[in-house]
Amino acid sequence: MAKDLTVSYPVVITYDNTDVDYPYEVYIPAFEGYTQGRNMANAILMARDFIGLGLSAMDLREDGKALPHPGALPNKTQDDQTVMLVEVNVDDYQRRQDK
């Protein structure tokens, strides 16, 4: 049985105390995309969904295309930022989306 593909991508989470609904903005450099979260845990979940959809919904692997390179872990540039790696099991993500 083949092993599931698991990837990790760096994200930068910035806290914005002026946004009462979604104060956590998430930037995913490898996809040049953004998402938001209600709290830190939700922001990480949204980043995982963004990455999972980017890798699964676009059917990159099925089309034989290369996955985006994760790039280097960005440096923290502001006090209100958190930099981390978000891990996504691409195959498990696809299975859950297909249900």
C-alpha atoms as a PDB file:
ATOM      1  CA  MET A   1       0.000   0.000   0.000  1.00  0.00           C
ATOM      2  CA  ALA A   2       1.357   3.415  -0.980  1.00  0.00           C
ATOM      3  CA  LYS A   3       2.101   5.889   1.754  1.00  0.00           C
ATOM      4  CA  ASP A   4       0.038   9.088   1.909  1.00  0.00           C
ATOM      5  CA  LEU A   5       1.690  12.264   0.683  1.00  0.00           C
ATOM      6  CA  THR A   6       2.202  14.722   3.531  1.00  0.00           C
ATOM      7  CA  VAL A   7       3.569  18.198   2.862  1.00  0.00           C
ATOM      8  CA  SER A   8       4.499  21.180   5.017  1.00  0.00           C
ATOM      9  CA  TYR A   9       4.259  24.780   3.905  1.00  0.00           C
ATOM     10  CA  PRO A  10       5.311  27.925   5.762  1.00  0.00           C
ATOM     11  CA  VAL A  11       2.641  30.437   6.693  1.00  0.00           C
ATOM     12  CA  VAL A  12       2.720  33.887   8.263  1.00  0.00           C
ATOM     13  CA  ILE A  13      -0.152  34.655  10.640  1.00  0.00           C
ATOM     14  CA  THR A  14      -0.720  38.301  11.491  1.00  0.00           C
ATOM     15  CA  TYR A  15      -3.013  39.418  14.303  1.00  0.00           C
ATOM     16  CA  ASP A  16      -5.178  42.463  13.569  1.00  0.00           C
ATOM     17  CA  ASN A  17      -7.027  43.632  16.688  1.00  0.00           C
ATOM     18  CA  THR A  18      -9.216  45.973  14.608  1.00  0.00           C
ATOM     19  CA  ASP A  19     -10.977  43.047  12.883  1.00  0.00           C
ATOM     20  CA  VAL A  20     -13.466  41.672  15.422  1.00  0.00           C
ATOM     21  CA  ASP A  21     -14.715  38.763  13.265  1.00  0.00           C
ATOM     22  CA  TYR A  22     -11.520  37.401  11.681  1.00  0.00           C
ATOM     23  CA  PRO A  23      -8.535  39.021  13.397  1.00  0.00           C
ATOM     24  CA  TYR A  24      -5.998  36.439  12.169  1.00  0.00           C
ATOM     25  CA  GLU A  25      -4.806  36.958   8.600  1.00  0.00           C
ATOM     26  CA  VAL A  26      -2.862  34.056   7.114  1.00  0.00           C
ATOM     27  CA  TYR A  27      -0.448  34.455   4.222  1.00  0.00           C
ATOM     28  CA  ILE A  28       0.720  31.309   2.401  1.00  0.00           C
ATOM     29  CA  PRO A  29       3.771  32.381   0.345  1.00  0.00           C
ATOM     30  CA  ALA A  30       4.029  29.227  -1.808  1.00  0.00           C
ATOM     31  CA  PHE A  31       0.513  29.888  -3.126  1.00  0.00           C
ATOM     32  CA  GLU A  32       0.729  33.685  -2.916  1.00  0.00           C
ATOM     33  CA  GLY A  33      -2.627  33.499  -1.159  1.00  0.00           C
ATOM     34  CA  TYR A  34      -4.419  34.651   1.952  1.00  0.00           C
ATOM     35  CA  THR A  35      -7.074  33.315   4.269  1.00  0.00           C
ATOM     36  CA  GLN A  36      -8.373  34.354   7.695  1.00  0.00           C
ATOM     37  CA  GLY A  37      -9.262  32.851  11.041  1.00  0.00           C
ATOM     38  CA  ARG A  38     -11.388  33.661  14.069  1.00  0.00           C
ATOM     39  CA  ASN A  39      -8.590  32.562  16.436  1.00  0.00           C
ATOM     40  CA  MET A  40      -5.139  31.005  16.080  1.00  0.00           C
ATOM     41  CA  ALA A  41      -6.455  27.422  15.892  1.00  0.00           C
ATOM     42  CA  ASN A  42      -9.026  28.404  13.266  1.00  0.00           C
ATOM     43  CA  ALA A  43      -6.368  30.307  11.301  1.00  0.00           C
ATOM     44  CA  ILE A  44      -4.189  27.170  11.161  1.00  0.00           C
ATOM     45  CA  LEU A  45      -7.195  25.093  10.078  1.00  0.00           C
ATOM     46  CA  MET A  46      -8.012  27.610   7.345  1.00  0.00           C
ATOM     47  CA  ALA A  47      -4.389  27.541   6.165  1.00  0.00           C
ATOM     48  CA  ARG A  48      -4.540  23.731   6.022  1.00  0.00           C
ATOM     49  CA  ASP A  49      -7.752  23.938   3.968  1.00  0.00           C
ATOM     50  CA  PHE A  50      -6.230  26.532   1.645  1.00  0.00           C
ATOM     51  CA  ILE A  51      -3.186  24.347   1.042  1.00  0.00           C
ATOM     52  CA  GLY A  52      -5.233  21.155   0.767  1.00  0.00           C
ATOM     53  CA  LEU A  53      -7.594  22.697  -1.757  1.00  0.00           C
ATOM     54  CA  GLY A  54      -4.694  24.193  -3.674  1.00  0.00           C
ATOM     55  CA  LEU A  55      -3.047  20.796  -3.974  1.00  0.00           C
ATOM     56  CA  SER A  56      -6.170  18.657  -4.302  1.00  0.00           C
ATOM     57  CA  ALA A  57      -8.772  20.738  -6.103  1.00  0.00           C
ATOM     58  CA  MET A  58      -6.347  21.737  -8.833  1.00  0.00           C
ATOM     59  CA  ASP A  59      -5.527  18.024  -9.337  1.00  0.00           C
ATOM     60  CA  LEU A  60      -1.859  18.844  -9.675  1.00  0.00           C
ATOM     61  CA  ARG A  61      -0.655  15.322  -9.071  1.00  0.00           C
ATOM     62  CA  GLU A  62      -3.252  13.752 -11.350  1.00  0.00           C
ATOM     63  CA  ASP A  63      -2.196  16.129 -14.121  1.00  0.00           C
ATOM     64  CA  GLY A  64       1.460  15.270 -13.508  1.00  0.00           C
ATOM     65  CA  LYS A  65       2.282  18.818 -12.406  1.00  0.00           C
ATOM     66  CA  ALA A  66       4.823  19.582  -9.709  1.00  0.00           C
ATOM     67  CA  LEU A  67       3.629  20.681  -6.292  1.00  0.00           C
ATOM     68  CA  PRO A  68       4.523  24.269  -5.393  1.00  0.00           C
ATOM     69  CA  HIS A  69       7.891  24.489  -3.672  1.00  0.00           C
ATOM     70  CA  PRO A  70       7.369  25.343   0.006  1.00  0.00           C
ATOM     71  CA  GLY A  71      10.183  27.869   0.008  1.00  0.00           C
ATOM     72  CA  ALA A  72      12.132  28.978   3.039  1.00  0.00           C
ATOM     73  CA  LEU A  73      10.509  29.674   6.371  1.00  0.00           C
ATOM     74  CA  PRO A  74      10.004  33.455   6.359  1.00  0.00           C
ATOM     75  CA  ASN A  75      11.490  35.550   9.135  1.00  0.00           C
ATOM     76  CA  LYS A  76       9.129  37.090  11.646  1.00  0.00           C
ATOM     77  CA  THR A  77       9.019  40.741  10.668  1.00  0.00           C
ATOM     78  CA  GLN A  78       6.578  42.250  13.161  1.00  0.00           C
ATOM     79  CA  ASP A  79       5.598  41.649  16.794  1.00  0.00           C
ATOM     80  CA  ASP A  80       2.040  40.764  15.754  1.00  0.00           C
ATOM     81  CA  GLN A  81       3.194  37.953  13.422  1.00  0.00           C
ATOM     82  CA  THR A  82       3.653  34.244  13.945  1.00  0.00           C
ATOM     83  CA  VAL A  83       5.589  32.166  11.413  1.00  0.00           C
ATOM     84  CA  MET A  84       5.059  28.406  11.322  1.00  0.00           C
ATOM     85  CA  LEU A  85       4.874  25.328   9.157  1.00  0.00           C
ATOM     86  CA  VAL A  86       1.436  23.885   8.408  1.00  0.00           C
ATOM     87  CA  GLU A  87       1.350  20.192   7.611  1.00  0.00           C
ATOM     88  CA  VAL A  88      -1.257  18.697   5.268  1.00  0.00           C
ATOM     89  CA  ASN A  89      -1.799  15.029   4.463  1.00  0.00           C
ATOM     90  CA  VAL A  90      -2.797  15.593   0.839  1.00  0.00           C
ATOM     91  CA  ASP A  91      -4.228  12.112   0.274  1.00  0.00           C
ATOM     92  CA  ASP A  92      -6.299  12.181   3.473  1.00  0.00           C
ATOM     93  CA  TYR A  93      -7.497  15.677   2.634  1.00  0.00           C
ATOM     94  CA  GLN A  94      -8.602  14.498  -0.822  1.00  0.00           C
ATOM     95  CA  ARG A  95     -10.418  11.480   0.633  1.00  0.00           C
ATOM     96  CA  ARG A  96     -12.355  13.694   3.054  1.00  0.00           C
ATOM     97  CA  GLN A  97     -13.274  16.139   0.283  1.00  0.00           C
ATOM     98  CA  ASP A  98     -14.501  13.328  -1.957  1.00  0.00           C
ATOM     99  CA  LYS A  99     -17.060  12.124   0.609  1.00  0.00           C
END
